[in-house]
C-alpha atoms as a PDB file:
ATOM      1  CA  UNK A   1       0.000   0.000   0.000  1.00  0.00           C
ATOM      2  CA  UNK A   2       1.300   3.472  -0.857  1.00  0.00           C
ATOM      3  CA  UNK A   3       1.947   5.820   2.040  1.00  0.00           C
ATOM      4  CA  UNK A   4       2.205   9.526   2.638  1.00  0.00           C
ATOM      5  CA  UNK A   5       5.957  10.301   2.631  1.00  0.00           C
ATOM      6  CA  UNK A   6       7.279  10.753   6.139  1.00  0.00           C
ATOM      7  CA  UNK A   7       4.065   9.551   7.812  1.00  0.00           C
ATOM      8  CA  UNK A   8       4.380   5.898   8.798  1.00  0.00           C
ATOM      9  CA  UNK A   9       1.270   3.769   8.507  1.00  0.00           C
ATOM     10  CA  UNK A  10      -0.944   6.466   6.919  1.00  0.00           C
ATOM     11  CA  UNK A  11      -2.326   5.418   3.526  1.00  0.00           C
ATOM     12  CA  UNK A  12      -1.834   7.943   0.729  1.00  0.00           C
ATOM     13  CA  UNK A  13      -4.957   9.504  -0.673  1.00  0.00           C
ATOM     14  CA  UNK A  14      -5.660   8.431  -4.275  1.00  0.00           C
ATOM     15  CA  UNK A  15      -4.719  11.076  -6.826  1.00  0.00           C
ATOM     16  CA  UNK A  16      -7.719  12.884  -8.311  1.00  0.00           C
ATOM     17  CA  UNK A  17      -7.735  12.426 -12.110  1.00  0.00           C
ATOM     18  CA  UNK A  18      -6.900  15.528 -14.113  1.00  0.00           C
ATOM     19  CA  UNK A  19      -9.739  14.618 -16.471  1.00  0.00           C
ATOM     20  CA  UNK A  20     -12.331  11.858 -16.220  1.00  0.00           C
ATOM     21  CA  UNK A  21     -15.038  10.755 -18.662  1.00  0.00           C
ATOM     22  CA  UNK A  22     -17.839   8.597 -17.242  1.00  0.00           C
ATOM     23  CA  UNK A  23     -20.296   6.982 -19.647  1.00  0.00           C
ATOM     24  CA  UNK A  24     -20.066   9.872 -22.087  1.00  0.00           C
ATOM     25  CA  UNK A  25     -22.571   9.786 -24.961  1.00  0.00           C
ATOM     26  CA  UNK A  26     -23.277  12.189 -27.817  1.00  0.00           C
ATOM     27  CA  UNK A  27     -25.659  11.622 -30.727  1.00  0.00           C
ATOM     28  CA  UNK A  28     -26.277  13.705 -33.810  1.00  0.00           C
ATOM     29  CA  UNK A  29     -29.591  12.672 -35.264  1.00  0.00           C
ATOM     30  CA  UNK A  30     -29.475   8.912 -35.681  1.00  0.00           C
ATOM     31  CA  UNK A  31     -25.687   8.721 -35.477  1.00  0.00           C
ATOM     32  CA  UNK A  32     -23.835   8.073 -32.223  1.00  0.00           C
ATOM     33  CA  UNK A  33     -20.581  10.050 -32.324  1.00  0.00           C
ATOM     34  CA  UNK A  34     -19.454   9.173 -28.786  1.00  0.00           C
ATOM     35  CA  UNK A  35     -20.652   5.848 -27.419  1.00  0.00           C
ATOM     36  CA  UNK A  36     -20.374   5.457 -23.618  1.00  0.00           C
ATOM     37  CA  UNK A  37     -16.774   6.590 -23.303  1.00  0.00           C
ATOM     38  CA  UNK A  38     -14.974   6.002 -20.000  1.00  0.00           C
ATOM     39  CA  UNK A  39     -11.494   7.488 -19.711  1.00  0.00           C
ATOM     40  CA  UNK A  40      -9.178   8.600 -16.906  1.00  0.00           C
ATOM     41  CA  UNK A  41      -6.294  11.028 -17.436  1.00  0.00           C
ATOM     42  CA  UNK A  42      -3.798  10.816 -14.544  1.00  0.00           C
ATOM     43  CA  UNK A  43      -2.604  14.109 -13.052  1.00  0.00           C
ATOM     44  CA  UNK A  44       0.777  15.217 -14.332  1.00  0.00           C
ATOM     45  CA  UNK A  45       0.479  13.157 -17.508  1.00  0.00           C
ATOM     46  CA  UNK A  46       1.066  14.058 -21.148  1.00  0.00           C
ATOM     47  CA  UNK A  47      -1.923  12.258 -22.663  1.00  0.00           C
ATOM     48  CA  UNK A  48      -2.433  11.651 -26.371  1.00  0.00           C
ATOM     49  CA  UNK A  49      -5.854  10.994 -27.905  1.00  0.00           C
ATOM     50  CA  UNK A  50      -5.635   9.298 -31.302  1.00  0.00           C
ATOM     51  CA  UNK A  51      -8.150   7.850 -33.711  1.00  0.00           C
ATOM     52  CA  UNK A  52      -9.289   7.811 -37.338  1.00  0.00           C
ATOM     53  CA  UNK A  53     -11.150  10.754 -38.848  1.00  0.00           C
ATOM     54  CA  UNK A  54     -14.695  10.795 -37.482  1.00  0.00           C
ATOM     55  CA  UNK A  55     -13.780   8.627 -34.494  1.00  0.00           C
ATOM     56  CA  UNK A  56     -15.243  11.087 -31.942  1.00  0.00           C
ATOM     57  CA  UNK A  57     -12.060  12.780 -30.691  1.00  0.00           C
ATOM     58  CA  UNK A  58     -13.124  16.386 -31.259  1.00  0.00           C
ATOM     59  CA  UNK A  59     -16.648  15.684 -29.989  1.00  0.00           C
ATOM     60  CA  UNK A  60     -15.232  14.120 -26.813  1.00  0.00           C
ATOM     61  CA  UNK A  61     -12.860  17.014 -26.170  1.00  0.00           C
ATOM     62  CA  UNK A  62     -15.649  19.537 -26.831  1.00  0.00           C
ATOM     63  CA  UNK A  63     -17.773  17.875 -24.158  1.00  0.00           C
ATOM     64  CA  UNK A  64     -14.763  17.689 -21.835  1.00  0.00           C
ATOM     65  CA  UNK A  65     -14.350  21.449 -21.913  1.00  0.00           C
ATOM     66  CA  UNK A  66     -17.971  22.567 -21.773  1.00  0.00           C
ATOM     67  CA  UNK A  67     -18.255  23.511 -25.443  1.00  0.00           C
ATOM     68  CA  UNK A  68     -20.778  20.762 -26.188  1.00  0.00           C
ATOM     69  CA  UNK A  69     -23.352  19.270 -23.842  1.00  0.00           C
ATOM     70  CA  UNK A  70     -23.382  15.441 -23.651  1.00  0.00           C
ATOM     71  CA  UNK A  71     -26.566  13.436 -24.063  1.00  0.00           C
ATOM     72  CA  UNK A  72     -25.502  11.206 -21.177  1.00  0.00           C
ATOM     73  CA  UNK A  73     -22.595  10.741 -18.818  1.00  0.00           C
ATOM     74  CA  UNK A  74     -20.346  13.164 -16.977  1.00  0.00           C
ATOM     75  CA  UNK A  75     -16.976  14.874 -17.270  1.00  0.00           C
ATOM     76  CA  UNK A  76     -14.901  15.904 -14.260  1.00  0.00           C
ATOM     77  CA  UNK A  77     -11.817  18.119 -14.179  1.00  0.00           C
ATOM     78  CA  UNK A  78      -9.855  17.483 -10.976  1.00  0.00           C
ATOM     79  CA  UNK A  79     -13.072  16.218  -9.414  1.00  0.00           C
ATOM     80  CA  UNK A  80     -15.272  19.153 -10.532  1.00  0.00           C
ATOM     81  CA  UNK A  81     -18.182  18.250 -12.787  1.00  0.00           C
ATOM     82  CA  UNK A  82     -17.952  20.332 -15.960  1.00  0.00           C
ATOM     83  CA  UNK A  83     -21.715  20.784 -16.177  1.00  0.00           C
ATOM     84  CA  UNK A  84     -22.769  20.739 -12.495  1.00  0.00           C
ATOM     85  CA  UNK A  85     -19.881  22.957 -11.317  1.00  0.00           C
ATOM     86  CA  UNK A  86     -18.721  24.773 -14.468  1.00  0.00           C
ATOM     87  CA  UNK A  87     -17.025  27.771 -12.864  1.00  0.00           C
ATOM     88  CA  UNK A  88     -14.722  25.678 -10.668  1.00  0.00           C
ATOM     89  CA  UNK A  89     -13.984  23.256 -13.515  1.00  0.00           C
ATOM     90  CA  UNK A  90     -13.204  25.945 -16.096  1.00  0.00           C
ATOM     91  CA  UNK A  91     -10.881  27.803 -13.757  1.00  0.00           C
ATOM     92  CA  UNK A  92      -8.623  24.731 -13.877  1.00  0.00           C
ATOM     93  CA  UNK A  93      -8.529  24.154 -17.638  1.00  0.00           C
ATOM     94  CA  UNK A  94      -7.099  25.939 -20.652  1.00  0.00           C
ATOM     95  CA  UNK A  95      -8.563  25.047 -24.042  1.00  0.00           C
ATOM     96  CA  UNK A  96      -7.295  25.151 -27.615  1.00  0.00           C
ATOM     97  CA  UNK A  97     -10.252  23.970 -29.710  1.00  0.00           C
ATOM     98  CA  UNK A  98      -9.866  23.123 -33.386  1.00  0.00           C
ATOM     99  CA  UNK A  99     -10.616  26.196 -35.506  1.00  0.00           C
ATOM    100  CA  UNK A 100     -11.146  28.550 -32.562  1.00  0.00           C
ATOM    101  CA  UNK A 101     -12.500  31.936 -33.689  1.00  0.00           C
ATOM    102  CA  UNK A 102     -10.625  34.996 -32.428  1.00  0.00           C
ATOM    103  CA  UNK A 103     -11.382  38.738 -32.602  1.00  0.00           C
ATOM    104  CA  UNK A 104      -9.441  39.206 -35.842  1.00  0.00           C
ATOM    105  CA  UNK A 105      -9.199  42.994 -35.687  1.00  0.00           C
ATOM    106  CA  UNK A 106      -7.380  42.980 -32.356  1.00  0.00           C
ATOM    107  CA  UNK A 107      -3.656  42.449 -31.881  1.00  0.00           C
ATOM    108  CA  UNK A 108      -2.366  39.486 -29.893  1.00  0.00           C
ATOM    109  CA  UNK A 109      -1.757  41.637 -26.825  1.00  0.00           C
ATOM    110  CA  UNK A 110      -5.233  43.161 -27.069  1.00  0.00           C
ATOM    111  CA  UNK A 111      -6.837  39.700 -27.255  1.00  0.00           C
ATOM    112  CA  UNK A 112      -4.922  38.508 -24.184  1.00  0.00           C
ATOM    113  CA  UNK A 113      -5.792  41.673 -22.285  1.00  0.00           C
ATOM    114  CA  UNK A 114      -9.477  41.408 -23.189  1.00  0.00           C
ATOM    115  CA  UNK A 115      -9.749  37.730 -22.217  1.00  0.00           C
ATOM    116  CA  UNK A 116      -7.764  38.199 -19.006  1.00  0.00           C
ATOM    117  CA  UNK A 117      -9.969  41.063 -17.831  1.00  0.00           C
ATOM    118  CA  UNK A 118     -13.053  39.089 -18.871  1.00  0.00           C
ATOM    119  CA  UNK A 119     -11.882  36.341 -16.495  1.00  0.00           C
ATOM    120  CA  UNK A 120     -11.634  38.902 -13.690  1.00  0.00           C
ATOM    121  CA  UNK A 121      -7.834  38.874 -13.515  1.00  0.00           C
ATOM    122  CA  UNK A 122      -6.067  41.987 -12.220  1.00  0.00           C
ATOM    123  CA  UNK A 123      -4.873  44.251 -15.028  1.00  0.00           C
ATOM    124  CA  UNK A 124      -1.253  44.257 -13.852  1.00  0.00           C
ATOM    125  CA  UNK A 125      -1.234  40.434 -13.765  1.00  0.00           C
ATOM    126  CA  UNK A 126      -2.717  40.277 -17.259  1.00  0.00           C
ATOM    127  CA  UNK A 127      -0.141  42.743 -18.598  1.00  0.00           C
ATOM    128  CA  UNK A 128       2.763  40.835 -17.068  1.00  0.00           C
ATOM    129  CA  UNK A 129       1.606  37.425 -18.260  1.00  0.00           C
ATOM    130  CA  UNK A 130       0.684  38.701 -21.725  1.00  0.00           C
ATOM    131  CA  UNK A 131       4.153  40.180 -22.154  1.00  0.00           C
ATOM    132  CA  UNK A 132       5.804  36.916 -21.060  1.00  0.00           C
ATOM    133  CA  UNK A 133       3.609  34.749 -23.277  1.00  0.00           C
ATOM    134  CA  UNK A 134       4.144  36.928 -26.344  1.00  0.00           C
ATOM    135  CA  UNK A 135       7.904  36.848 -25.795  1.00  0.00           C
ATOM    136  CA  UNK A 136       8.143  33.085 -25.172  1.00  0.00           C
ATOM    137  CA  UNK A 137       5.879  32.315 -28.131  1.00  0.00           C
ATOM    138  CA  UNK A 138       7.918  34.699 -30.318  1.00  0.00           C
ATOM    139  CA  UNK A 139       4.915  36.905 -31.061  1.00  0.00           C
ATOM    140  CA  UNK A 140       6.298  40.093 -29.532  1.00  0.00           C
ATOM    141  CA  UNK A 141       7.719  41.149 -32.908  1.00  0.00           C
ATOM    142  CA  UNK A 142       4.128  41.269 -34.203  1.00  0.00           C
ATOM    143  CA  UNK A 143       3.066  43.658 -31.420  1.00  0.00           C
ATOM    144  CA  UNK A 144       1.035  45.905 -33.714  1.00  0.00           C
ATOM    145  CA  UNK A 145      -0.181  43.193 -36.114  1.00  0.00           C
ATOM    146  CA  UNK A 146      -3.882  42.352 -36.117  1.00  0.00           C
ATOM    147  CA  UNK A 147      -4.713  38.659 -35.791  1.00  0.00           C
ATOM    148  CA  UNK A 148      -6.388  38.737 -39.210  1.00  0.00           C
ATOM    149  CA  UNK A 149      -2.879  39.074 -40.638  1.00  0.00           C
ATOM    150  CA  UNK A 150      -1.364  36.245 -38.555  1.00  0.00           C
ATOM    151  CA  UNK A 151      -0.042  33.112 -40.243  1.00  0.00           C
ATOM    152  CA  UNK A 152      -1.500  29.716 -39.293  1.00  0.00           C
ATOM    153  CA  UNK A 153       1.394  29.080 -36.922  1.00  0.00           C
ATOM    154  CA  UNK A 154       0.990  32.479 -35.271  1.00  0.00           C
ATOM    155  CA  UNK A 155      -2.731  31.853 -34.772  1.00  0.00           C
ATOM    156  CA  UNK A 156      -2.011  28.503 -33.119  1.00  0.00           C
ATOM    157  CA  UNK A 157       0.486  30.168 -30.789  1.00  0.00           C
ATOM    158  CA  UNK A 158      -1.769  33.071 -29.772  1.00  0.00           C
ATOM    159  CA  UNK A 159      -4.597  30.592 -29.128  1.00  0.00           C
ATOM    160  CA  UNK A 160      -2.239  28.586 -26.907  1.00  0.00           C
ATOM    161  CA  UNK A 161      -1.392  31.836 -25.113  1.00  0.00           C
ATOM    162  CA  UNK A 162      -5.091  32.413 -24.369  1.00  0.00           C
ATOM    163  CA  UNK A 163      -5.283  28.880 -22.936  1.00  0.00           C
ATOM    164  CA  UNK A 164      -2.268  29.464 -20.671  1.00  0.00           C
ATOM    165  CA  UNK A 165      -3.043  33.012 -19.558  1.00  0.00           C
ATOM    166  CA  UNK A 166      -4.977  32.207 -16.361  1.00  0.00           C
ATOM    167  CA  UNK A 167      -2.506  29.565 -15.145  1.00  0.00           C
ATOM    168  CA  UNK A 168      -4.567  26.374 -15.605  1.00  0.00           C
ATOM    169  CA  UNK A 169      -3.656  22.950 -14.194  1.00  0.00           C
ATOM    170  CA  UNK A 170      -4.936  21.128 -17.294  1.00  0.00           C
ATOM    171  CA  UNK A 171      -4.587  21.909 -21.003  1.00  0.00           C
ATOM    172  CA  UNK A 172      -6.991  20.335 -23.505  1.00  0.00           C
ATOM    173  CA  UNK A 173      -5.726  20.844 -27.050  1.00  0.00           C
ATOM    174  CA  UNK A 174      -7.411  19.688 -30.257  1.00  0.00           C
ATOM    175  CA  UNK A 175      -4.821  19.159 -33.026  1.00  0.00           C
ATOM    176  CA  UNK A 176      -2.403  21.834 -31.724  1.00  0.00           C
ATOM    177  CA  UNK A 177       0.287  20.892 -34.263  1.00  0.00           C
ATOM    178  CA  UNK A 178      -1.891  20.664 -37.362  1.00  0.00           C
ATOM    179  CA  UNK A 179      -0.827  22.730 -40.388  1.00  0.00           C
ATOM    180  CA  UNK A 180       1.972  24.660 -38.676  1.00  0.00           C
ATOM    181  CA  UNK A 181       5.634  25.018 -39.609  1.00  0.00           C
ATOM    182  CA  UNK A 182       8.399  23.060 -37.820  1.00  0.00           C
ATOM    183  CA  UNK A 183       9.721  26.124 -35.976  1.00  0.00           C
ATOM    184  CA  UNK A 184       6.304  26.971 -34.484  1.00  0.00           C
ATOM    185  CA  UNK A 185       5.752  23.293 -33.677  1.00  0.00           C
ATOM    186  CA  UNK A 186       9.064  23.119 -31.819  1.00  0.00           C
ATOM    187  CA  UNK A 187       8.156  26.203 -29.768  1.00  0.00           C
ATOM    188  CA  UNK A 188       4.753  24.799 -28.803  1.00  0.00           C
ATOM    189  CA  UNK A 189       6.269  21.399 -28.002  1.00  0.00           C
ATOM    190  CA  UNK A 190       8.852  22.964 -25.672  1.00  0.00           C
ATOM    191  CA  UNK A 191       6.230  25.013 -23.811  1.00  0.00           C
ATOM    192  CA  UNK A 192       3.970  21.984 -23.310  1.00  0.00           C
ATOM    193  CA  UNK A 193       6.866  19.894 -22.002  1.00  0.00           C
ATOM    194  CA  UNK A 194       7.762  22.662 -19.548  1.00  0.00           C
ATOM    195  CA  UNK A 195       4.119  22.835 -18.461  1.00  0.00           C
ATOM    196  CA  UNK A 196       4.052  19.105 -17.658  1.00  0.00           C
ATOM    197  CA  UNK A 197       7.423  19.196 -15.907  1.00  0.00           C
ATOM    198  CA  UNK A 198       5.998  21.971 -13.712  1.00  0.00           C
ATOM    199  CA  UNK A 199       3.135  19.706 -12.588  1.00  0.00           C
ATOM    200  CA  UNK A 200       0.528  20.476 -15.248  1.00  0.00           C
ATOM    201  CA  UNK A 201      -1.418  17.921 -17.282  1.00  0.00           C
ATOM    202  CA  UNK A 202      -1.901  17.961 -21.054  1.00  0.00           C
ATOM    203  CA  UNK A 203      -4.480  16.155 -23.185  1.00  0.00           C
ATOM    204  CA  UNK A 204      -4.160  16.586 -26.927  1.00  0.00           C
ATOM    205  CA  UNK A 205      -5.506  14.932 -30.042  1.00  0.00           C
ATOM    206  CA  UNK A 206      -3.327  14.218 -33.049  1.00  0.00           C
ATOM    207  CA  UNK A 207      -3.088  12.125 -36.191  1.00  0.00           C
ATOM    208  CA  UNK A 208       0.715  12.102 -36.065  1.00  0.00           C
ATOM    209  CA  UNK A 209       1.671   8.937 -34.198  1.00  0.00           C
ATOM    210  CA  UNK A 210       5.397   9.753 -34.148  1.00  0.00           C
ATOM    211  CA  UNK A 211       4.621  13.020 -32.358  1.00  0.00           C
ATOM    212  CA  UNK A 212       2.416  11.245 -29.810  1.00  0.00           C
ATOM    213  CA  UNK A 213       5.188   8.703 -29.160  1.00  0.00           C
ATOM    214  CA  UNK A 214       7.711  11.494 -28.711  1.00  0.00           C
ATOM    215  CA  UNK A 215       5.641  13.573 -26.292  1.00  0.00           C
ATOM    216  CA  UNK A 216       3.177  11.355 -24.467  1.00  0.00           C
ATOM    217  CA  UNK A 217       3.461   8.977 -21.534  1.00  0.00           C
ATOM    218  CA  UNK A 218      -0.202   7.901 -21.819  1.00  0.00           C
ATOM    219  CA  UNK A 219      -2.427   7.400 -24.843  1.00  0.00           C
ATOM    220  CA  UNK A 220      -5.992   6.412 -25.728  1.00  0.00           C
ATOM    221  CA  UNK A 221      -7.172   5.045 -29.075  1.00  0.00           C
ATOM    222  CA  UNK A 222     -10.725   5.991 -30.038  1.00  0.00           C
ATOM    223  CA  UNK A 223     -12.554   4.391 -32.961  1.00  0.00           C
ATOM    224  CA  UNK A 224     -16.245   4.412 -33.865  1.00  0.00           C
ATOM    225  CA  UNK A 225     -16.962   6.547 -30.816  1.00  0.00           C
ATOM    226  CA  UNK A 226     -15.495   4.071 -28.332  1.00  0.00           C
ATOM    227  CA  UNK A 227     -12.219   3.743 -26.441  1.00  0.00           C
ATOM    228  CA  UNK A 228     -10.509   0.711 -27.964  1.00  0.00           C
ATOM    229  CA  UNK A 229      -7.343   0.947 -25.854  1.00  0.00           C
ATOM    230  CA  UNK A 230      -6.018   3.272 -23.149  1.00  0.00           C
ATOM    231  CA  UNK A 231      -3.151   3.394 -20.677  1.00  0.00           C
ATOM    232  CA  UNK A 232       0.574   3.953 -20.500  1.00  0.00           C
ATOM    233  CA  UNK A 233       2.171   4.382 -23.924  1.00  0.00           C
ATOM    234  CA  UNK A 234       4.205   1.163 -23.669  1.00  0.00           C
ATOM    235  CA  UNK A 235       1.124  -0.826 -22.659  1.00  0.00           C
ATOM    236  CA  UNK A 236      -0.956   0.443 -25.592  1.00  0.00           C
ATOM    237  CA  UNK A 237       1.909  -0.110 -28.024  1.00  0.00           C
ATOM    238  CA  UNK A 238       2.344  -3.650 -26.696  1.00  0.00           C
ATOM    239  CA  UNK A 239       4.456  -5.922 -28.871  1.00  0.00           C
ATOM    240  CA  UNK A 240       4.317  -3.587 -31.853  1.00  0.00           C
ATOM    241  CA  UNK A 241       7.523  -1.670 -32.628  1.00  0.00           C
ATOM    242  CA  UNK A 242       5.677   1.618 -33.177  1.00  0.00           C
ATOM    243  CA  UNK A 243       2.434   3.224 -32.046  1.00  0.00           C
ATOM    244  CA  UNK A 244       1.523   3.597 -35.725  1.00  0.00           C
ATOM    245  CA  UNK A 245       1.496  -0.186 -36.181  1.00  0.00           C
ATOM    246  CA  UNK A 246      -0.321  -0.725 -32.892  1.00  0.00           C
ATOM    247  CA  UNK A 247      -2.945   1.831 -33.916  1.00  0.00           C
ATOM    248  CA  UNK A 248      -3.649   0.115 -37.250  1.00  0.00           C
ATOM    249  CA  UNK A 249      -3.954  -3.219 -35.451  1.00  0.00           C
ATOM    250  CA  UNK A 250      -6.256  -1.848 -32.724  1.00  0.00           C
ATOM    251  CA  UNK A 251      -8.698  -0.074 -35.038  1.00  0.00           C
ATOM    252  CA  UNK A 252      -8.727  -3.005 -37.470  1.00  0.00           C
ATOM    253  CA  UNK A 253      -7.774  -0.887 -40.450  1.00  0.00           C
ATOM    254  CA  UNK A 254      -6.022  -2.001 -43.580  1.00  0.00           C
ATOM    255  CA  UNK A 255      -3.921   0.103 -45.889  1.00  0.00           C
ATOM    256  CA  UNK A 256      -5.669   0.834 -49.163  1.00  0.00           C
ATOM    257  CA  UNK A 257      -4.169   1.332 -52.590  1.00  0.00           C
ATOM    258  CA  UNK A 258      -2.700  -2.146 -53.030  1.00  0.00           C
ATOM    259  CA  UNK A 259      -5.283  -3.123 -55.648  1.00  0.00           C
ATOM    260  CA  UNK A 260      -6.776  -1.400 -58.644  1.00  0.00           C
ATOM    261  CA  UNK A 261      -5.631   1.780 -60.393  1.00  0.00           C
ATOM    262  CA  UNK A 262      -3.602  -0.301 -62.823  1.00  0.00           C
ATOM    263  CA  UNK A 263      -3.974   2.502 -65.366  1.00  0.00           C
ATOM    264  CA  UNK A 264      -1.527   4.596 -63.256  1.00  0.00           C
ATOM    265  CA  UNK A 265       1.329   2.246 -64.137  1.00  0.00           C
ATOM    266  CA  UNK A 266       3.411   3.242 -67.107  1.00  0.00           C
END
């Protein structure tokens, strides 16, 4: 039995999951996008969520962060129910949704200032954190540039800045590395690793298995709206040499293109 360090004979309290799905269900018309998903994200983990297109990843993460109401089930962030106790839950989480809309006519600093004040943060705290985030994310050179003129990589980075601004304990990121250049990706990767080393937890979805293997210590595979495998990276990978091969095996996919299209041959 685990013990509290320095206190003989006192059992340690179980760690509260950073994020927990319990029987999560979401239907759109006659189609079930998320089918009774149960998932536990340990605190302090770098957790990857992978699955084929249309598997239910974005829908699950949207329900996890209060952007989409589930038809059944519950989501808890460090023990706080996202729908029964939304204020407490959302104070603990920073979100980077896929395709997040931003006030395009504002500069990056103006967006951070607006969102920080909207959260009720003190102006001096917002100004200090905004300056640090813009510098670390290499956006300070675009101080007077409106977001409408940002590149894709710059938009990803300013959206990450909005997620980090209030000092969350959990980050939930939907495809944070999609369609960005290697330099921006390296910057985001470094910041997320620092966040986890400092005690934070990260959950992110991705189609790039090599990236998930490089960053994550835990992973879940979702297919057809269900969790097909979840746990420590090595456990999910099993006997397969790469997560890519394990993923194909788990979801029961087969590579296409081996037959037909004979007219393409010279």
